[in-house]
Amino acid sequence: ERNGALALLPWRGRLWVSLFQSITTRTAGFNTCDIAALTSGTLLLMIVLMFIGASPGSTGGGIKTTTVAVLWASIISGLRERPHVQLWKRTLTMETLQKAVTVFFFSIMLVLGFAMVLIYVERKPFLDIMFETVSAFGTVGLSTGVTPTLSMQGKLIVTALMFIGRVGPLTLAYAFATRRRQAARYTYAEERVMIG
């Protein structure tokens, strides 16, 4: 953005605006520059940050930083061929890993599903719709300027996604899951499946 949206700022101003925008995409949603004037690469980076969101216990949305940390630790453990997932000199439980994977994939499906419906209803550029969708899911509040131009159907879709993002993907997944069954007193034989 040096020659784009931040071209008129001195280098210190660019640094502070960049730092502030990277933080606000995960929490408050304030903007210090014109979001619509940003390049596609910057918008994509902001989409990723909004999807990750804040840390647990905060009012920020997204899948949460700890979910990404657990998934990253799982990838590293897999590459190092460790039998257990380790993070910060601790071994993570299988339940924690399953929750992280559930949150990640359920959130991806939600965001992509809502984005496809919004693209069908609104006929706007893909990147703008993805930005608005992830911003709603992460309860961020940033916009490329598309939100005011949405139809009533589009606004209802974005509003529904805001509520889902606020409630949280794990809570929503558990709400739609079948009721918990008693633990089985048996286990099935293990199967090795080819991956990759």
Protein backbone atom coordinates (compact mmCIF):
# COMPACT_ATOMS: atom_id res chain seq x y z
CA GLU A 1 0.00 0.00 0.00
CA ARG A 2 3.07 2.23 -0.05
CA ASN A 3 2.09 3.61 -3.44
CA GLY A 4 -1.64 3.06 -3.00
CA ALA A 5 -3.98 3.96 -0.14
CA LEU A 6 -1.12 5.07 2.14
CA ALA A 7 0.87 7.01 -0.48
CA LEU A 8 0.26 10.43 1.07
CA LEU A 9 1.48 9.43 4.54
CA PRO A 10 5.07 9.69 5.78
CA TRP A 11 6.81 6.36 6.52
CA ARG A 12 5.99 6.57 10.25
CA GLY A 13 2.36 7.22 9.47
CA ARG A 14 2.30 4.23 7.11
CA LEU A 15 3.82 2.06 9.81
CA TRP A 16 1.27 3.13 12.44
CA VAL A 17 -1.70 2.83 10.10
CA SER A 18 -0.54 -0.63 9.00
CA LEU A 19 -0.07 -1.77 12.60
CA PHE A 20 -3.40 -0.31 13.71
CA GLN A 21 -5.30 -1.83 10.78
CA SER A 22 -3.80 -5.27 11.40
CA ILE A 23 -4.94 -5.13 15.03
CA THR A 24 -8.36 -3.64 14.41
CA THR A 25 -9.25 -6.33 11.86
CA ARG A 26 -9.28 -8.79 14.74
CA THR A 27 -11.14 -6.70 17.30
CA ALA A 28 -12.83 -3.33 17.00
CA GLY A 29 -13.27 -2.64 13.30
CA PHE A 30 -12.09 0.97 13.27
CA ASN A 31 -10.52 2.08 10.04
CA THR A 32 -7.90 4.76 9.54
CA CYS A 33 -7.77 4.44 5.76
CA ASP A 34 -10.24 3.90 2.94
CA ILE A 35 -10.80 0.12 2.88
CA ALA A 36 -12.22 0.28 -0.65
CA ALA A 37 -8.94 1.82 -1.89
CA LEU A 38 -6.80 -1.08 -0.64
CA THR A 39 -5.27 -3.59 -3.05
CA SER A 40 -6.56 -7.14 -3.41
CA GLY A 41 -3.55 -8.56 -1.55
CA THR A 42 -4.16 -6.31 1.45
CA LEU A 43 -7.88 -7.16 1.46
CA LEU A 44 -7.04 -10.87 1.37
CA LEU A 45 -4.66 -10.48 4.33
CA MET A 46 -7.35 -8.57 6.23
CA ILE A 47 -9.87 -11.35 5.44
CA VAL A 48 -7.51 -13.91 6.97
CA LEU A 49 -6.98 -11.75 10.09
CA MET A 50 -10.73 -11.18 10.48
CA PHE A 51 -11.40 -14.91 10.10
CA ILE A 52 -8.85 -15.72 12.82
CA GLY A 53 -10.22 -13.00 15.06
CA ALA A 54 -9.38 -12.29 18.66
CA SER A 55 -8.41 -14.43 21.62
CA PRO A 56 -10.91 -16.42 23.72
CA GLY A 57 -12.58 -14.47 26.48
CA SER A 58 -12.59 -11.25 24.46
CA THR A 59 -15.54 -9.67 22.71
CA GLY A 60 -13.90 -10.15 19.31
CA GLY A 61 -15.21 -12.76 16.93
CA GLY A 62 -13.58 -15.17 14.51
CA ILE A 63 -12.34 -18.68 15.12
CA LYS A 64 -9.94 -17.36 17.82
CA THR A 65 -6.16 -17.28 17.96
CA THR A 66 -5.94 -20.40 20.12
CA THR A 67 -7.77 -22.44 17.48
CA VAL A 68 -5.16 -21.43 14.91
CA ALA A 69 -2.37 -22.16 17.41
CA VAL A 70 -3.73 -25.68 18.03
CA LEU A 71 -4.09 -26.35 14.30
CA TRP A 72 -0.57 -25.04 13.64
CA ALA A 73 0.82 -27.22 16.44
CA SER A 74 -0.97 -30.20 14.90
CA ILE A 75 0.63 -29.51 11.52
CA ILE A 76 4.10 -29.16 13.08
CA SER A 77 3.64 -32.34 15.11
CA GLY A 78 2.55 -34.18 11.97
CA LEU A 79 5.56 -32.96 9.98
CA ARG A 80 7.89 -34.00 12.79
CA GLU A 81 6.10 -37.35 13.02
CA ARG A 82 5.31 -36.94 16.70
CA PRO A 83 2.64 -39.26 18.10
CA HIS A 84 1.02 -36.42 20.09
CA VAL A 85 0.27 -32.77 19.43
CA GLN A 86 2.52 -30.57 21.56
CA LEU A 87 2.27 -26.86 22.18
CA TRP A 88 4.31 -24.75 24.61
CA LYS A 89 5.84 -27.82 26.25
CA ARG A 90 2.41 -29.32 26.83
CA THR A 91 0.62 -32.23 25.15
CA LEU A 92 -2.81 -31.32 23.82
CA THR A 93 -5.73 -33.66 24.31
CA MET A 94 -7.50 -35.26 21.37
CA GLU A 95 -10.68 -33.43 22.48
CA THR A 96 -8.92 -30.06 22.11
CA LEU A 97 -7.68 -30.98 18.65
CA GLN A 98 -11.14 -32.19 17.60
CA LYS A 99 -12.74 -28.95 18.80
CA ALA A 100 -10.18 -26.88 16.89
CA VAL A 101 -10.73 -28.85 13.68
CA THR A 102 -14.52 -28.65 14.14
CA VAL A 103 -14.45 -24.89 14.69
CA PHE A 104 -12.16 -24.33 11.70
CA PHE A 105 -14.07 -26.44 9.17
CA PHE A 106 -17.53 -25.48 10.44
CA SER A 107 -16.53 -21.81 10.18
CA ILE A 108 -15.09 -22.26 6.68
CA MET A 109 -18.32 -23.94 5.57
CA LEU A 110 -20.44 -21.19 7.14
CA VAL A 111 -18.46 -18.35 5.58
CA LEU A 112 -18.29 -19.95 2.14
CA GLY A 113 -21.96 -20.93 2.26
CA PHE A 114 -23.11 -17.46 3.22
CA ALA A 115 -20.73 -15.91 0.67
CA MET A 116 -22.14 -18.07 -2.13
CA VAL A 117 -25.70 -17.10 -1.22
CA LEU A 118 -24.69 -13.43 -0.99
CA ILE A 119 -22.91 -13.57 -4.36
CA TYR A 120 -26.02 -15.12 -5.92
CA VAL A 121 -28.36 -12.54 -4.36
CA GLU A 122 -26.22 -9.44 -4.87
CA ARG A 123 -24.07 -9.99 -8.00
CA LYS A 124 -21.17 -7.99 -6.55
CA PRO A 125 -17.41 -8.63 -6.95
CA PHE A 126 -16.20 -11.81 -5.23
CA LEU A 127 -13.50 -10.18 -3.08
CA ASP A 128 -15.88 -7.48 -1.80
CA ILE A 129 -18.49 -10.10 -0.87
CA MET A 130 -15.88 -12.27 0.87
CA PHE A 131 -14.63 -9.24 2.81
CA GLU A 132 -18.15 -8.32 3.94
CA THR A 133 -18.98 -11.94 4.80
CA VAL A 134 -15.87 -12.54 6.90
CA SER A 135 -16.24 -9.13 8.53
CA ALA A 136 -19.78 -10.06 9.58
CA PHE A 137 -18.72 -13.52 10.77
CA GLY A 138 -15.84 -12.05 12.78
CA THR A 139 -18.10 -9.27 14.13
CA VAL A 140 -15.47 -6.78 12.98
CA GLY A 141 -17.53 -4.07 11.32
CA LEU A 142 -15.15 -3.17 8.49
CA SER A 143 -16.58 -2.72 5.01
CA THR A 144 -15.36 -2.09 1.50
CA GLY A 145 -18.47 0.03 1.00
CA VAL A 146 -20.70 -2.78 -0.24
CA THR A 147 -22.89 -3.10 2.86
CA PRO A 148 -24.97 0.09 2.32
CA THR A 149 -25.70 -0.98 -1.26
CA LEU A 150 -26.98 -4.45 -0.34
CA SER A 151 -30.60 -5.35 -0.95
CA MET A 152 -32.87 -6.19 1.98
CA GLN A 153 -32.15 -9.89 1.41
CA GLY A 154 -28.41 -9.24 1.44
CA LYS A 155 -28.64 -7.21 4.63
CA LEU A 156 -30.63 -10.00 6.31
CA ILE A 157 -27.99 -12.53 5.25
CA VAL A 158 -25.20 -10.37 6.68
CA THR A 159 -27.19 -9.77 9.87
CA ALA A 160 -27.76 -13.51 10.36
CA LEU A 161 -24.04 -14.12 9.91
CA MET A 162 -23.28 -11.43 12.50
CA PHE A 163 -25.46 -13.24 15.04
CA ILE A 164 -23.82 -16.56 14.19
CA GLY A 165 -20.39 -15.00 14.54
CA ARG A 166 -21.30 -13.50 17.90
CA VAL A 167 -22.72 -16.76 19.28
CA GLY A 168 -19.66 -18.63 18.07
CA PRO A 169 -19.20 -21.47 15.62
CA LEU A 170 -18.56 -24.14 18.26
CA THR A 171 -21.74 -23.26 20.17
CA LEU A 172 -23.72 -23.31 16.94
CA ALA A 173 -22.21 -26.64 15.87
CA TYR A 174 -23.13 -28.18 19.21
CA ALA A 175 -26.65 -26.76 18.97
CA PHE A 176 -27.23 -28.51 15.64
CA ALA A 177 -25.46 -31.72 16.61
CA THR A 178 -27.49 -34.68 17.71
CA ARG A 179 -27.79 -35.05 21.44
CA ARG A 180 -24.87 -36.63 23.16
CA ARG A 181 -24.97 -40.39 23.33
CA GLN A 182 -23.62 -42.49 26.13
CA ALA A 183 -20.05 -43.59 25.63
CA ALA A 184 -19.88 -46.89 23.78
CA ARG A 185 -18.41 -49.84 25.62
CA TYR A 186 -16.66 -51.00 22.50
CA THR A 187 -14.28 -49.63 19.89
CA TYR A 188 -13.98 -50.39 16.22
CA ALA A 189 -10.80 -51.76 14.70
CA GLU A 190 -8.34 -49.11 13.61
CA GLU A 191 -8.02 -48.36 9.92
CA ARG A 192 -5.08 -46.68 8.21
CA VAL A 193 -6.30 -44.37 5.46
CA MET A 194 -3.96 -43.01 2.79
CA ILE A 195 -3.67 -39.24 3.15
CA GLY A 196 -2.20 -36.81 0.66
